[in-house]
N, C-alpha and C. Protein backbone atom coordinates (compact mmCIF):
# COMPACT_ATOMS: atom_id res chain seq x y z
N ALA A 1 -10.37 20.73 24.84
CA ALA A 1 -9.61 19.76 25.62
C ALA A 1 -10.22 19.65 27.01
N SER A 2 -10.07 18.48 27.58
CA SER A 2 -10.56 18.25 28.93
C SER A 2 -9.59 18.86 29.93
N PRO A 3 -9.99 18.97 31.21
CA PRO A 3 -9.06 19.48 32.22
C PRO A 3 -7.77 18.66 32.31
N GLU A 4 -7.85 17.38 31.91
CA GLU A 4 -6.66 16.52 31.93
C GLU A 4 -5.80 16.68 30.68
N GLY A 5 -6.25 17.50 29.75
CA GLY A 5 -5.48 17.73 28.53
C GLY A 5 -5.82 16.79 27.39
N VAL A 6 -6.92 16.04 27.52
CA VAL A 6 -7.31 15.13 26.45
C VAL A 6 -8.04 15.92 25.37
N ILE A 7 -7.55 15.83 24.15
CA ILE A 7 -8.21 16.45 23.00
C ILE A 7 -9.14 15.40 22.42
N PRO A 8 -10.47 15.60 22.48
CA PRO A 8 -11.40 14.55 22.09
C PRO A 8 -11.40 14.21 20.61
N HIS A 9 -11.18 15.19 19.76
CA HIS A 9 -11.16 14.91 18.33
C HIS A 9 -10.37 15.98 17.59
N LEU A 10 -9.83 15.58 16.46
CA LEU A 10 -9.02 16.48 15.64
C LEU A 10 -9.44 16.37 14.18
N TRP A 11 -9.52 17.51 13.50
CA TRP A 11 -9.73 17.55 12.05
C TRP A 11 -8.40 17.89 11.40
N ALA A 12 -8.14 17.33 10.24
CA ALA A 12 -6.95 17.69 9.48
C ALA A 12 -7.28 17.64 7.99
N ALA A 13 -6.83 18.64 7.26
CA ALA A 13 -7.04 18.65 5.81
C ALA A 13 -6.20 17.55 5.17
N VAL A 14 -6.75 16.95 4.12
CA VAL A 14 -6.05 15.91 3.35
C VAL A 14 -6.19 16.28 1.88
N GLU A 15 -5.08 16.29 1.18
CA GLU A 15 -5.15 16.52 -0.26
C GLU A 15 -5.94 15.37 -0.89
N PRO A 16 -6.89 15.66 -1.78
CA PRO A 16 -7.65 14.58 -2.40
C PRO A 16 -6.78 13.47 -2.99
N LYS A 17 -5.64 13.84 -3.56
CA LYS A 17 -4.74 12.83 -4.14
C LYS A 17 -4.08 11.97 -3.07
N ALA A 18 -4.07 12.43 -1.81
CA ALA A 18 -3.42 11.70 -0.73
C ALA A 18 -4.40 10.80 0.05
N LEU A 19 -5.66 10.77 -0.37
CA LEU A 19 -6.62 9.91 0.32
C LEU A 19 -6.23 8.44 0.15
N PRO A 20 -6.49 7.62 1.17
CA PRO A 20 -6.25 6.18 0.99
C PRO A 20 -7.02 5.66 -0.22
N LYS A 21 -6.44 4.68 -0.90
CA LYS A 21 -7.05 4.15 -2.11
C LYS A 21 -8.48 3.69 -1.86
N ALA A 22 -8.72 3.00 -0.74
CA ALA A 22 -10.07 2.50 -0.45
C ALA A 22 -11.07 3.64 -0.28
N VAL A 23 -10.62 4.76 0.29
CA VAL A 23 -11.50 5.91 0.49
C VAL A 23 -11.83 6.55 -0.86
N ALA A 24 -10.82 6.77 -1.69
CA ALA A 24 -11.04 7.36 -3.02
C ALA A 24 -11.94 6.46 -3.87
N GLU A 25 -11.73 5.15 -3.79
CA GLU A 25 -12.57 4.22 -4.56
C GLU A 25 -14.01 4.23 -4.05
N ALA A 26 -14.19 4.38 -2.74
CA ALA A 26 -15.54 4.43 -2.18
C ALA A 26 -16.29 5.67 -2.67
N VAL A 27 -15.58 6.80 -2.74
CA VAL A 27 -16.20 8.02 -3.26
C VAL A 27 -16.59 7.80 -4.72
N ASP A 28 -15.67 7.23 -5.50
CA ASP A 28 -15.95 7.01 -6.92
C ASP A 28 -17.12 6.04 -7.11
N LYS A 29 -17.22 5.03 -6.26
CA LYS A 29 -18.32 4.06 -6.36
C LYS A 29 -19.64 4.72 -5.95
N ALA A 30 -19.60 5.55 -4.90
CA ALA A 30 -20.82 6.19 -4.40
C ALA A 30 -21.31 7.29 -5.34
N VAL A 31 -20.37 8.00 -5.96
CA VAL A 31 -20.71 9.13 -6.83
C VAL A 31 -19.85 9.03 -8.10
N PRO A 32 -20.18 8.11 -9.00
CA PRO A 32 -19.37 7.94 -10.21
C PRO A 32 -19.23 9.25 -10.99
N GLY A 33 -17.99 9.56 -11.34
CA GLY A 33 -17.72 10.75 -12.14
C GLY A 33 -17.61 12.04 -11.35
N ALA A 34 -17.79 11.98 -10.04
CA ALA A 34 -17.69 13.19 -9.23
C ALA A 34 -16.23 13.57 -9.02
N LYS A 35 -15.99 14.86 -8.82
CA LYS A 35 -14.66 15.37 -8.54
C LYS A 35 -14.57 15.67 -7.05
N ILE A 36 -13.55 15.16 -6.38
CA ILE A 36 -13.34 15.48 -4.96
C ILE A 36 -12.73 16.87 -4.90
N GLU A 37 -13.47 17.81 -4.33
CA GLU A 37 -12.99 19.19 -4.23
C GLU A 37 -12.07 19.39 -3.04
N SER A 38 -12.39 18.75 -1.91
CA SER A 38 -11.57 18.86 -0.72
C SER A 38 -11.84 17.64 0.15
N ALA A 39 -10.94 17.36 1.08
CA ALA A 39 -11.11 16.22 1.96
C ALA A 39 -10.47 16.53 3.31
N ARG A 40 -10.98 15.86 4.34
CA ARG A 40 -10.43 15.99 5.69
C ARG A 40 -10.48 14.63 6.36
N THR A 41 -9.63 14.46 7.34
CA THR A 41 -9.69 13.29 8.19
C THR A 41 -10.14 13.75 9.58
N PHE A 42 -10.88 12.91 10.23
CA PHE A 42 -11.41 13.20 11.55
C PHE A 42 -10.93 12.10 12.48
N GLU A 43 -10.18 12.45 13.51
CA GLU A 43 -9.65 11.49 14.46
C GLU A 43 -10.41 11.61 15.77
N ILE A 44 -11.03 10.52 16.20
CA ILE A 44 -11.73 10.48 17.48
C ILE A 44 -10.77 9.91 18.51
N ARG A 45 -10.48 10.68 19.54
CA ARG A 45 -9.46 10.29 20.50
C ARG A 45 -9.97 10.08 21.91
N ALA A 46 -11.25 10.34 22.15
CA ALA A 46 -11.80 10.20 23.49
C ALA A 46 -13.30 9.96 23.39
N SER A 47 -13.87 9.41 24.45
CA SER A 47 -15.31 9.18 24.49
C SER A 47 -16.03 10.49 24.79
N LEU A 48 -17.35 10.44 24.80
CA LEU A 48 -18.13 11.65 25.07
C LEU A 48 -17.84 12.23 26.44
N ARG A 49 -17.39 11.42 27.36
CA ARG A 49 -17.04 11.91 28.70
C ARG A 49 -15.60 12.40 28.73
N PHE A 50 -14.97 12.48 27.61
CA PHE A 50 -13.59 12.93 27.46
C PHE A 50 -12.59 12.05 28.19
N GLY A 51 -12.94 10.78 28.32
CA GLY A 51 -11.97 9.83 28.83
C GLY A 51 -11.17 9.31 27.65
N PRO A 52 -9.87 9.17 27.80
CA PRO A 52 -9.07 8.70 26.66
C PRO A 52 -9.50 7.29 26.26
N ILE A 53 -9.44 7.02 24.97
CA ILE A 53 -9.75 5.68 24.49
C ILE A 53 -8.43 5.00 24.11
N GLU A 54 -8.45 3.69 24.13
CA GLU A 54 -7.21 2.94 23.93
C GLU A 54 -6.60 3.18 22.55
N LYS A 55 -7.44 3.19 21.51
CA LYS A 55 -6.94 3.38 20.15
C LYS A 55 -7.79 4.42 19.44
N SER A 56 -7.14 5.40 18.84
CA SER A 56 -7.86 6.44 18.10
C SER A 56 -8.65 5.82 16.95
N LYS A 57 -9.77 6.46 16.60
CA LYS A 57 -10.57 6.05 15.45
C LYS A 57 -10.50 7.17 14.42
N PHE A 58 -10.45 6.80 13.14
CA PHE A 58 -10.35 7.77 12.07
C PHE A 58 -11.49 7.59 11.07
N PHE A 59 -11.88 8.69 10.44
CA PHE A 59 -12.70 8.62 9.24
C PHE A 59 -12.36 9.82 8.39
N TYR A 60 -12.75 9.76 7.15
CA TYR A 60 -12.46 10.83 6.19
C TYR A 60 -13.76 11.45 5.72
N THR A 61 -13.69 12.73 5.37
CA THR A 61 -14.80 13.38 4.69
C THR A 61 -14.26 13.88 3.36
N ALA A 62 -15.09 13.82 2.35
CA ALA A 62 -14.72 14.33 1.04
C ALA A 62 -15.87 15.15 0.50
N ARG A 63 -15.59 16.37 0.12
CA ARG A 63 -16.60 17.21 -0.51
C ARG A 63 -16.50 16.96 -2.01
N VAL A 64 -17.61 16.53 -2.62
CA VAL A 64 -17.61 16.18 -4.03
C VAL A 64 -18.58 17.07 -4.80
N GLU A 65 -18.30 17.21 -6.09
CA GLU A 65 -19.15 18.01 -6.97
C GLU A 65 -19.48 17.19 -8.19
N LYS A 66 -20.74 17.21 -8.59
CA LYS A 66 -21.18 16.54 -9.82
C LYS A 66 -22.41 17.25 -10.35
N ASP A 67 -22.39 17.57 -11.62
CA ASP A 67 -23.51 18.22 -12.29
C ASP A 67 -23.93 19.51 -11.59
N GLY A 68 -22.93 20.26 -11.07
CA GLY A 68 -23.22 21.54 -10.44
C GLY A 68 -23.73 21.45 -9.02
N LYS A 69 -23.81 20.25 -8.45
CA LYS A 69 -24.28 20.08 -7.08
C LYS A 69 -23.15 19.51 -6.23
N THR A 70 -23.17 19.82 -4.93
CA THR A 70 -22.12 19.34 -4.03
C THR A 70 -22.71 18.47 -2.93
N SER A 71 -21.85 17.65 -2.37
CA SER A 71 -22.23 16.79 -1.26
C SER A 71 -20.99 16.49 -0.44
N THR A 72 -21.16 16.17 0.81
CA THR A 72 -20.07 15.72 1.66
C THR A 72 -20.29 14.25 1.99
N VAL A 73 -19.25 13.46 1.77
CA VAL A 73 -19.30 12.02 1.99
C VAL A 73 -18.38 11.68 3.15
N ARG A 74 -18.83 10.82 4.06
CA ARG A 74 -18.00 10.33 5.16
C ARG A 74 -17.65 8.88 4.87
N ILE A 75 -16.33 8.55 5.00
CA ILE A 75 -15.85 7.23 4.64
C ILE A 75 -14.87 6.73 5.70
N LYS A 76 -15.00 5.45 6.06
CA LYS A 76 -14.03 4.81 6.95
C LYS A 76 -12.75 4.54 6.16
N PRO A 77 -11.59 4.41 6.83
CA PRO A 77 -10.35 4.16 6.09
C PRO A 77 -10.38 2.91 5.21
N ASP A 78 -11.23 1.94 5.51
CA ASP A 78 -11.32 0.73 4.68
C ASP A 78 -12.22 0.92 3.46
N GLY A 79 -12.80 2.11 3.29
CA GLY A 79 -13.63 2.41 2.13
C GLY A 79 -15.12 2.27 2.38
N THR A 80 -15.53 1.93 3.58
CA THR A 80 -16.95 1.80 3.91
C THR A 80 -17.57 3.18 4.06
N LEU A 81 -18.68 3.44 3.35
CA LEU A 81 -19.38 4.71 3.49
C LEU A 81 -20.06 4.77 4.86
N ILE A 82 -19.97 5.90 5.52
CA ILE A 82 -20.63 6.10 6.80
C ILE A 82 -21.99 6.74 6.57
N THR A 83 -22.06 7.67 5.63
CA THR A 83 -23.32 8.36 5.33
C THR A 83 -23.64 8.18 3.85
N PRO A 84 -24.91 8.08 3.51
CA PRO A 84 -25.25 8.00 2.08
C PRO A 84 -24.97 9.33 1.38
N VAL A 85 -24.75 9.27 0.09
CA VAL A 85 -24.50 10.47 -0.69
C VAL A 85 -25.83 11.14 -1.00
N SER A 86 -25.89 12.42 -0.75
CA SER A 86 -27.11 13.18 -1.00
C SER A 86 -26.74 14.56 -1.54
N PHE A 87 -27.22 14.87 -2.74
CA PHE A 87 -26.98 16.19 -3.32
C PHE A 87 -28.20 17.04 -3.06
N ASN A 88 -28.01 18.12 -2.31
CA ASN A 88 -29.12 18.95 -1.89
C ASN A 88 -29.35 20.17 -2.76
N LYS A 89 -28.27 20.83 -3.16
CA LYS A 89 -28.45 22.11 -3.84
C LYS A 89 -27.39 22.30 -4.91
N ALA A 90 -27.64 23.19 -5.82
CA ALA A 90 -26.68 23.52 -6.85
C ALA A 90 -25.53 24.30 -6.25
N LYS A 91 -24.36 24.09 -6.78
CA LYS A 91 -23.16 24.79 -6.32
C LYS A 91 -23.25 26.24 -6.72
N ASP A 92 -22.88 27.14 -5.79
CA ASP A 92 -22.89 28.58 -6.08
C ASP A 92 -21.83 28.89 -7.12
N LYS A 93 -22.21 29.67 -8.08
CA LYS A 93 -21.27 30.05 -9.16
C LYS A 93 -20.58 31.33 -8.83
């Protein structure tokens, strides 16, 4: 938090079933057949200088698994992907 008490950003866990429909559909479109293991929402509440912004901005992250590999996807509330899907390594067993 800034000296003025502004919290610049907040993370919050979201149950995969509670994701907005557009976000869940974006994950399914980006990674067909993948299972969402966990999800979070990220709220941006201030600029880099920690000045408050007029309206908070939100995005979601979803950790997905497919064929033993995992990836994290970032999605805007309207379902627009922020980052491309990339599977780097096999999931630890």
